[in-house]
């Protein structure tokens, strides 16, 4: 598919599609075909774990989406806890030689 087709099919704005494609490209899940300007599956999709995930997704999309949502929520909780803890870290003031 082209980027514009992805935007239409996914109903995402171009920035969201670009961000998602950038991340998927870094993980080798997709590749950009420079000649045709299309996005296609990359080498990581040949991994047996990826193949298993796709079969599971086809069989039970709800379970896969629930797991992905759980993972996303755990990341958000972890980031929030880290930000909260960082708010209480005492930092040395600039120019303060008292320690």
C-alpha atoms as a PDB file:
ATOM      1  CA  UNK A   1       0.000   0.000   0.000  1.00  0.00           C
ATOM      2  CA  UNK A   2       1.014   3.584  -0.401  1.00  0.00           C
ATOM      3  CA  UNK A   3       1.151   6.001   2.530  1.00  0.00           C
ATOM      4  CA  UNK A   4      -1.989   7.765   1.327  1.00  0.00           C
ATOM      5  CA  UNK A   5      -3.838   4.443   1.075  1.00  0.00           C
ATOM      6  CA  UNK A   6      -2.764   3.633   4.632  1.00  0.00           C
ATOM      7  CA  UNK A   7      -4.000   7.018   5.846  1.00  0.00           C
ATOM      8  CA  UNK A   8      -7.366   6.393   4.210  1.00  0.00           C
ATOM      9  CA  UNK A   9      -7.746   2.768   5.321  1.00  0.00           C
ATOM     10  CA  UNK A  10      -6.602   3.429   8.908  1.00  0.00           C
ATOM     11  CA  UNK A  11      -8.321   6.817   9.133  1.00  0.00           C
ATOM     12  CA  UNK A  12      -5.167   8.400  10.569  1.00  0.00           C
ATOM     13  CA  UNK A  13      -3.608  11.781   9.910  1.00  0.00           C
ATOM     14  CA  UNK A  14      -0.350  11.767   7.915  1.00  0.00           C
ATOM     15  CA  UNK A  15       1.801  12.479  10.999  1.00  0.00           C
ATOM     16  CA  UNK A  16       0.424   9.410  12.789  1.00  0.00           C
ATOM     17  CA  UNK A  17       1.037   7.199   9.761  1.00  0.00           C
ATOM     18  CA  UNK A  18       4.587   8.551   9.385  1.00  0.00           C
ATOM     19  CA  UNK A  19       5.335   7.902  13.062  1.00  0.00           C
ATOM     20  CA  UNK A  20       3.930   4.367  12.943  1.00  0.00           C
ATOM     21  CA  UNK A  21       5.743   3.525   9.720  1.00  0.00           C
ATOM     22  CA  UNK A  22       8.995   4.892  11.117  1.00  0.00           C
ATOM     23  CA  UNK A  23       8.777   2.626  14.172  1.00  0.00           C
ATOM     24  CA  UNK A  24       7.761  -0.412  12.132  1.00  0.00           C
ATOM     25  CA  UNK A  25      10.576   0.270   9.693  1.00  0.00           C
ATOM     26  CA  UNK A  26      13.163   0.421  12.516  1.00  0.00           C
ATOM     27  CA  UNK A  27      11.938  -2.988  13.711  1.00  0.00           C
ATOM     28  CA  UNK A  28      12.136  -4.347  10.128  1.00  0.00           C
ATOM     29  CA  UNK A  29       8.421  -5.162  10.133  1.00  0.00           C
ATOM     30  CA  UNK A  30       7.931  -3.063   7.012  1.00  0.00           C
ATOM     31  CA  UNK A  31      10.108  -1.747   4.195  1.00  0.00           C
ATOM     32  CA  UNK A  32       9.699   1.140   1.779  1.00  0.00           C
ATOM     33  CA  UNK A  33      10.011   0.312  -1.882  1.00  0.00           C
ATOM     34  CA  UNK A  34      11.716   3.410  -3.273  1.00  0.00           C
ATOM     35  CA  UNK A  35      10.765   2.679  -6.878  1.00  0.00           C
ATOM     36  CA  UNK A  36       7.059   2.029  -6.416  1.00  0.00           C
ATOM     37  CA  UNK A  37       6.776   4.201  -3.272  1.00  0.00           C
ATOM     38  CA  UNK A  38       4.832   1.431  -1.564  1.00  0.00           C
ATOM     39  CA  UNK A  39       5.095  -0.050   1.903  1.00  0.00           C
ATOM     40  CA  UNK A  40       5.572  -3.821   2.085  1.00  0.00           C
ATOM     41  CA  UNK A  41       6.264  -6.401   4.767  1.00  0.00           C
ATOM     42  CA  UNK A  42       9.870  -6.566   5.930  1.00  0.00           C
ATOM     43  CA  UNK A  43      12.196  -9.376   7.025  1.00  0.00           C
ATOM     44  CA  UNK A  44      10.970  -9.435  10.637  1.00  0.00           C
ATOM     45  CA  UNK A  45       7.640 -10.793   9.425  1.00  0.00           C
ATOM     46  CA  UNK A  46       9.375 -14.081   8.564  1.00  0.00           C
ATOM     47  CA  UNK A  47      10.187 -14.683  12.244  1.00  0.00           C
ATOM     48  CA  UNK A  48       8.180 -17.627  13.649  1.00  0.00           C
ATOM     49  CA  UNK A  49       7.057 -15.509  16.622  1.00  0.00           C
ATOM     50  CA  UNK A  50       5.605 -12.918  14.249  1.00  0.00           C
ATOM     51  CA  UNK A  51       3.896 -15.633  12.239  1.00  0.00           C
ATOM     52  CA  UNK A  52       2.378 -17.056  15.434  1.00  0.00           C
ATOM     53  CA  UNK A  53       1.142 -13.618  16.438  1.00  0.00           C
ATOM     54  CA  UNK A  54      -0.552 -13.143  13.069  1.00  0.00           C
ATOM     55  CA  UNK A  55      -2.259 -16.563  13.275  1.00  0.00           C
ATOM     56  CA  UNK A  56      -3.428 -15.745  16.806  1.00  0.00           C
ATOM     57  CA  UNK A  57      -4.670 -12.340  15.622  1.00  0.00           C
ATOM     58  CA  UNK A  58      -6.651 -13.984  12.827  1.00  0.00           C
ATOM     59  CA  UNK A  59      -8.136 -16.512  15.264  1.00  0.00           C
ATOM     60  CA  UNK A  60      -8.860 -14.220  18.224  1.00  0.00           C
ATOM     61  CA  UNK A  61      -8.375 -10.516  17.540  1.00  0.00           C
ATOM     62  CA  UNK A  62      -9.988  -9.547  20.822  1.00  0.00           C
ATOM     63  CA  UNK A  63      -7.409 -11.446  22.864  1.00  0.00           C
ATOM     64  CA  UNK A  64      -4.486  -9.896  20.960  1.00  0.00           C
ATOM     65  CA  UNK A  65      -5.934  -6.398  21.254  1.00  0.00           C
ATOM     66  CA  UNK A  66      -6.630  -6.919  24.970  1.00  0.00           C
ATOM     67  CA  UNK A  67      -3.010  -7.976  25.508  1.00  0.00           C
ATOM     68  CA  UNK A  68      -1.695  -4.997  23.552  1.00  0.00           C
ATOM     69  CA  UNK A  69      -3.918  -2.689  25.602  1.00  0.00           C
ATOM     70  CA  UNK A  70      -2.608  -4.238  28.819  1.00  0.00           C
ATOM     71  CA  UNK A  71       0.985  -3.740  27.692  1.00  0.00           C
ATOM     72  CA  UNK A  72       0.264  -0.120  26.730  1.00  0.00           C
ATOM     73  CA  UNK A  73      -1.379   0.592  30.096  1.00  0.00           C
ATOM     74  CA  UNK A  74       1.571  -0.927  31.962  1.00  0.00           C
ATOM     75  CA  UNK A  75       3.953   1.321  30.020  1.00  0.00           C
ATOM     76  CA  UNK A  76       1.852   4.366  30.854  1.00  0.00           C
ATOM     77  CA  UNK A  77       1.749   3.397  34.547  1.00  0.00           C
ATOM     78  CA  UNK A  78       5.505   2.876  34.578  1.00  0.00           C
ATOM     79  CA  UNK A  79       6.158   6.237  32.912  1.00  0.00           C
ATOM     80  CA  UNK A  80       3.793   7.962  35.341  1.00  0.00           C
ATOM     81  CA  UNK A  81       5.445   6.361  38.369  1.00  0.00           C
ATOM     82  CA  UNK A  82       8.880   7.351  37.086  1.00  0.00           C
ATOM     83  CA  UNK A  83       7.776  10.951  36.451  1.00  0.00           C
ATOM     84  CA  UNK A  84       6.213  11.116  39.918  1.00  0.00           C
ATOM     85  CA  UNK A  85       9.388   9.757  41.551  1.00  0.00           C
ATOM     86  CA  UNK A  86      11.566  12.172  39.565  1.00  0.00           C
ATOM     87  CA  UNK A  87       9.495  15.076  40.872  1.00  0.00           C
ATOM     88  CA  UNK A  88      10.778  14.317  44.369  1.00  0.00           C
ATOM     89  CA  UNK A  89      14.470  14.010  43.507  1.00  0.00           C
ATOM     90  CA  UNK A  90      16.446  16.756  45.183  1.00  0.00           C
ATOM     91  CA  UNK A  91      18.823  18.413  42.793  1.00  0.00           C
ATOM     92  CA  UNK A  92      21.793  20.563  43.603  1.00  0.00           C
ATOM     93  CA  UNK A  93      21.260  24.225  42.776  1.00  0.00           C
ATOM     94  CA  UNK A  94      23.637  25.829  40.312  1.00  0.00           C
ATOM     95  CA  UNK A  95      26.463  27.640  41.994  1.00  0.00           C
ATOM     96  CA  UNK A  96      25.715  26.023  45.366  1.00  0.00           C
ATOM     97  CA  UNK A  97      29.012  24.710  46.748  1.00  0.00           C
ATOM     98  CA  UNK A  98      27.511  23.499  50.034  1.00  0.00           C
ATOM     99  CA  UNK A  99      27.122  20.001  48.778  1.00  0.00           C
END
